[in-house]
Amino acid sequence: MSNLTPRDASTRAADKDRIQVAQLLGEAAAQGRLDLSEYERRLAQAYAAKTYAELDRLTDDLPSVAEPSRRRGSGKPAPATLLLAILSGFERRGRWNVPDRMTTFTLLGGGVVDLRYADFTSADVEIHAYAIMGGQTILLPPEVNVEVKGVGVMGGFDHDVDGQGAPGAPKVTIRGFSLWGGVGIKRKNRKAGGSDQPPQ
């Protein structure tokens, strides 16, 4: 149960509060406390929540999560990240903290950035993706909003990302270029019990 007073419960939630609840829901799903469909349903509700009361209802039945103080911290974004593959590759999959700014670079190599099971630490994420004679793929969960501003020169940079994101969900802006290479951007559903499920 929540320890909030009625006045506190009606206070409007901020982006950082919604993101912190989304992280707690991800933790509960990784522990097997929520199945995939329930996790995704609550996640969409968390991003659309306007007040603390709406957020509290999403975690009240989860042990060690219901305490409001656990999610009202500083909410600082993860530090900026560089993923580099030169004659090699990189993979970022499973449960990890998505920073508000990330740069990916492949030269005669390849990479995968999978955001489906990741914890967002900011409502706005900017990815600078560069591929030279190499390729990389960015996998997006169904609920995020996306804007693509990349360019392909004698290569490809995906702009046609299927589907719309959920209201209030994080926005991912992808910029950059590919030269004799490619940057693939795809929405992909999470899998229950699949090999790309977050580690428990």
Protein backbone atom coordinates (compact mmCIF):
# COMPACT_ATOMS: atom_id res chain seq x y z
CA MET A 1 0.00 0.00 0.00
CA SER A 2 1.06 3.56 -0.62
CA ASN A 3 2.14 5.88 2.19
CA LEU A 4 1.09 8.99 0.29
CA THR A 5 -1.48 11.36 1.70
CA PRO A 6 -4.44 12.14 -0.61
CA ARG A 7 -2.94 15.56 -1.42
CA ASP A 8 0.41 14.00 -2.34
CA ALA A 9 -1.31 11.30 -4.38
CA SER A 10 -3.05 13.89 -6.54
CA THR A 11 0.21 15.75 -7.26
CA ARG A 12 1.16 15.62 -10.90
CA ALA A 13 3.99 13.22 -11.69
CA ALA A 14 7.09 14.24 -13.64
CA ASP A 15 8.84 12.38 -16.45
CA LYS A 16 11.47 11.10 -14.01
CA ASP A 17 8.73 9.58 -11.80
CA ARG A 18 7.20 7.74 -14.76
CA ILE A 19 10.62 6.48 -15.83
CA GLN A 20 11.44 5.26 -12.32
CA VAL A 21 8.16 3.31 -12.14
CA ALA A 22 8.90 1.84 -15.59
CA GLN A 23 12.27 0.67 -14.23
CA LEU A 24 10.60 -0.94 -11.22
CA LEU A 25 8.13 -2.72 -13.50
CA GLY A 26 11.06 -3.99 -15.59
CA GLU A 27 12.68 -5.32 -12.44
CA ALA A 28 9.46 -7.07 -11.44
CA ALA A 29 9.16 -8.63 -14.91
CA ALA A 30 12.78 -9.82 -14.79
CA GLN A 31 12.04 -11.46 -11.41
CA GLY A 32 9.01 -13.26 -12.87
CA ARG A 33 6.49 -11.23 -10.82
CA LEU A 34 4.81 -9.91 -13.99
CA ASP A 35 4.26 -11.84 -17.19
CA LEU A 36 5.04 -10.15 -20.50
CA SER A 37 1.50 -8.98 -21.31
CA GLU A 38 0.94 -7.58 -17.79
CA TYR A 39 4.33 -5.87 -17.85
CA GLU A 40 3.61 -4.19 -21.19
CA ARG A 41 0.11 -3.14 -20.08
CA ARG A 42 1.43 -1.56 -16.87
CA LEU A 43 4.35 0.02 -18.72
CA ALA A 44 2.00 1.83 -21.13
CA GLN A 45 -0.09 2.99 -18.15
CA ALA A 46 3.03 4.24 -16.34
CA TYR A 47 4.09 6.37 -19.29
CA ALA A 48 0.57 7.80 -19.61
CA ALA A 49 0.11 8.45 -15.85
CA LYS A 50 -0.53 12.02 -14.78
CA THR A 51 -0.44 11.73 -10.97
CA TYR A 52 1.45 9.86 -8.25
CA ALA A 53 -1.77 8.01 -7.41
CA GLU A 54 -1.90 6.53 -10.92
CA LEU A 55 1.73 5.46 -10.61
CA ASP A 56 1.22 3.98 -7.14
CA ARG A 57 -1.59 1.72 -8.38
CA LEU A 58 0.82 0.11 -10.84
CA THR A 59 3.26 -1.08 -8.16
CA ASP A 60 1.08 -1.47 -5.02
CA ASP A 61 0.91 -5.27 -5.40
CA LEU A 62 4.64 -5.75 -5.99
CA PRO A 63 6.75 -6.60 -2.91
CA SER A 64 9.46 -4.09 -1.99
CA VAL A 65 8.29 -1.79 -4.79
CA ALA A 66 5.28 -0.11 -3.23
CA GLU A 67 7.37 2.22 -1.04
CA PRO A 68 7.09 5.64 -2.76
CA SER A 69 10.48 6.81 -1.47
CA ARG A 70 12.15 4.11 -3.60
CA ARG A 71 11.22 5.95 -6.75
CA ARG A 72 11.45 9.59 -5.82
CA GLY A 73 15.20 9.94 -5.99
CA SER A 74 17.27 12.16 -8.19
CA GLY A 75 16.40 10.22 -11.34
CA LYS A 76 19.65 11.17 -13.06
CA PRO A 77 20.17 9.82 -16.58
CA ALA A 78 22.82 7.18 -17.11
CA PRO A 79 26.15 8.60 -18.39
CA ALA A 80 26.61 9.09 -22.13
CA THR A 81 27.77 5.93 -23.86
CA LEU A 82 30.00 5.14 -26.85
CA LEU A 83 29.68 1.76 -28.57
CA LEU A 84 32.53 1.19 -31.00
CA ALA A 85 33.18 -1.63 -33.49
CA ILE A 86 36.24 -1.41 -35.74
CA LEU A 87 36.87 -4.71 -37.53
CA SER A 88 34.76 -6.18 -34.74
CA GLY A 89 31.28 -5.98 -33.26
CA PHE A 90 29.24 -4.84 -30.29
CA GLU A 91 25.97 -5.94 -28.75
CA ARG A 92 23.94 -4.22 -26.08
CA ARG A 93 21.02 -6.49 -25.14
CA GLY A 94 18.97 -7.51 -22.15
CA ARG A 95 18.56 -5.26 -19.13
CA TRP A 96 20.76 -2.16 -19.17
CA ASN A 97 20.38 1.57 -18.48
CA VAL A 98 19.76 3.66 -21.58
CA PRO A 99 21.50 7.05 -21.30
CA ASP A 100 20.04 10.25 -22.67
CA ARG A 101 22.86 10.37 -25.25
CA MET A 102 24.56 7.49 -27.01
CA THR A 103 26.94 7.23 -29.97
CA THR A 104 27.36 4.04 -31.98
CA PHE A 105 30.11 3.65 -34.59
CA THR A 106 30.89 0.71 -36.86
CA LEU A 107 33.80 0.56 -39.30
CA LEU A 108 34.13 -2.73 -41.16
CA GLY A 109 32.16 -4.21 -38.29
CA GLY A 110 28.66 -4.60 -36.93
CA GLY A 111 26.55 -3.89 -33.91
CA VAL A 112 23.17 -4.37 -32.26
CA VAL A 113 21.50 -2.01 -29.79
CA ASP A 114 18.38 -3.64 -28.34
CA LEU A 115 16.21 -1.26 -26.32
CA ARG A 116 13.31 -3.70 -25.77
CA TYR A 117 14.31 -4.88 -22.29
CA ALA A 118 16.39 -1.86 -21.32
CA ASP A 119 15.59 0.67 -18.59
CA PHE A 120 15.21 4.21 -19.90
CA THR A 121 16.76 6.83 -17.61
CA SER A 122 15.51 9.85 -19.55
CA ALA A 123 12.31 10.78 -21.36
CA ASP A 124 14.38 11.98 -24.34
CA VAL A 125 17.11 9.77 -25.79
CA GLU A 126 19.41 10.78 -28.62
CA ILE A 127 21.36 8.14 -30.54
CA HIS A 128 24.06 9.18 -33.00
CA ALA A 129 24.61 6.17 -35.26
CA TYR A 130 27.46 6.00 -37.79
CA ALA A 131 28.22 3.04 -40.05
CA ILE A 132 31.13 3.02 -42.54
CA MET A 133 31.46 -0.14 -44.60
CA GLY A 134 29.68 -1.87 -41.76
CA GLY A 135 26.23 -2.17 -40.30
CA GLN A 136 24.24 -1.84 -37.15
CA THR A 137 20.70 -2.51 -36.02
CA ILE A 138 18.69 -0.60 -33.45
CA LEU A 139 15.71 -2.54 -32.04
CA LEU A 140 12.92 -0.49 -30.48
CA PRO A 141 10.13 -1.69 -28.17
CA PRO A 142 6.56 -1.03 -29.38
CA GLU A 143 5.78 1.79 -26.93
CA VAL A 144 8.63 4.26 -27.57
CA ASN A 145 8.24 7.22 -29.88
CA VAL A 146 10.91 7.60 -32.54
CA GLU A 147 12.22 10.27 -34.89
CA VAL A 148 14.88 9.41 -37.48
CA LYS A 149 17.15 12.07 -39.00
CA GLY A 150 19.92 9.95 -40.50
CA VAL A 151 21.32 9.89 -44.04
CA GLY A 152 22.62 7.03 -46.16
CA VAL A 153 25.40 7.73 -48.70
CA MET A 154 25.85 4.76 -51.02
CA GLY A 155 24.31 2.85 -48.15
CA GLY A 156 21.10 2.72 -46.16
CA PHE A 157 19.67 4.49 -43.14
CA ASP A 158 16.17 3.26 -42.22
CA HIS A 159 13.47 5.90 -41.94
CA ASP A 160 10.36 3.75 -42.18
CA VAL A 161 9.80 2.59 -38.63
CA ASP A 162 6.45 0.82 -38.30
CA GLY A 163 3.88 1.89 -35.75
CA GLN A 164 3.32 4.74 -33.36
CA GLY A 165 4.60 4.92 -29.81
CA ALA A 166 2.46 5.23 -26.69
CA PRO A 167 1.51 8.64 -25.28
CA GLY A 168 4.06 9.79 -22.70
CA ALA A 169 6.58 7.06 -23.57
CA PRO A 170 10.23 8.04 -24.07
CA LYS A 171 11.18 9.61 -27.39
CA VAL A 172 14.22 8.21 -29.19
CA THR A 173 15.79 10.50 -31.80
CA ILE A 174 18.25 8.75 -34.11
CA ARG A 175 20.71 10.84 -36.11
CA GLY A 176 23.83 10.00 -38.09
CA PHE A 177 24.88 8.56 -41.42
CA SER A 178 25.99 5.43 -43.20
CA LEU A 179 28.62 5.26 -45.93
CA TRP A 180 28.79 1.99 -47.87
CA GLY A 181 27.02 0.48 -44.92
CA GLY A 182 23.67 0.48 -43.18
CA VAL A 183 21.78 1.48 -40.07
CA GLY A 184 18.66 -0.62 -39.59
CA ILE A 185 15.96 0.63 -37.23
CA LYS A 186 13.08 -1.69 -36.36
CA ARG A 187 10.28 -2.01 -33.85
CA LYS A 188 10.22 -5.51 -32.49
CA ASN A 189 7.92 -7.08 -29.91
CA ARG A 190 9.36 -8.52 -26.74
CA LYS A 191 9.37 -12.31 -26.49
CA ALA A 192 8.17 -14.31 -23.51
CA GLY A 193 10.78 -16.95 -22.67
CA GLY A 194 12.82 -16.16 -25.79
CA SER A 195 16.59 -16.16 -26.02
CA ASP A 196 16.58 -12.37 -25.99
CA GLN A 197 14.57 -12.13 -22.77
CA PRO A 198 16.18 -10.01 -20.06
CA PRO A 199 18.33 -11.92 -17.58
CA GLN A 200 16.50 -12.98 -14.42
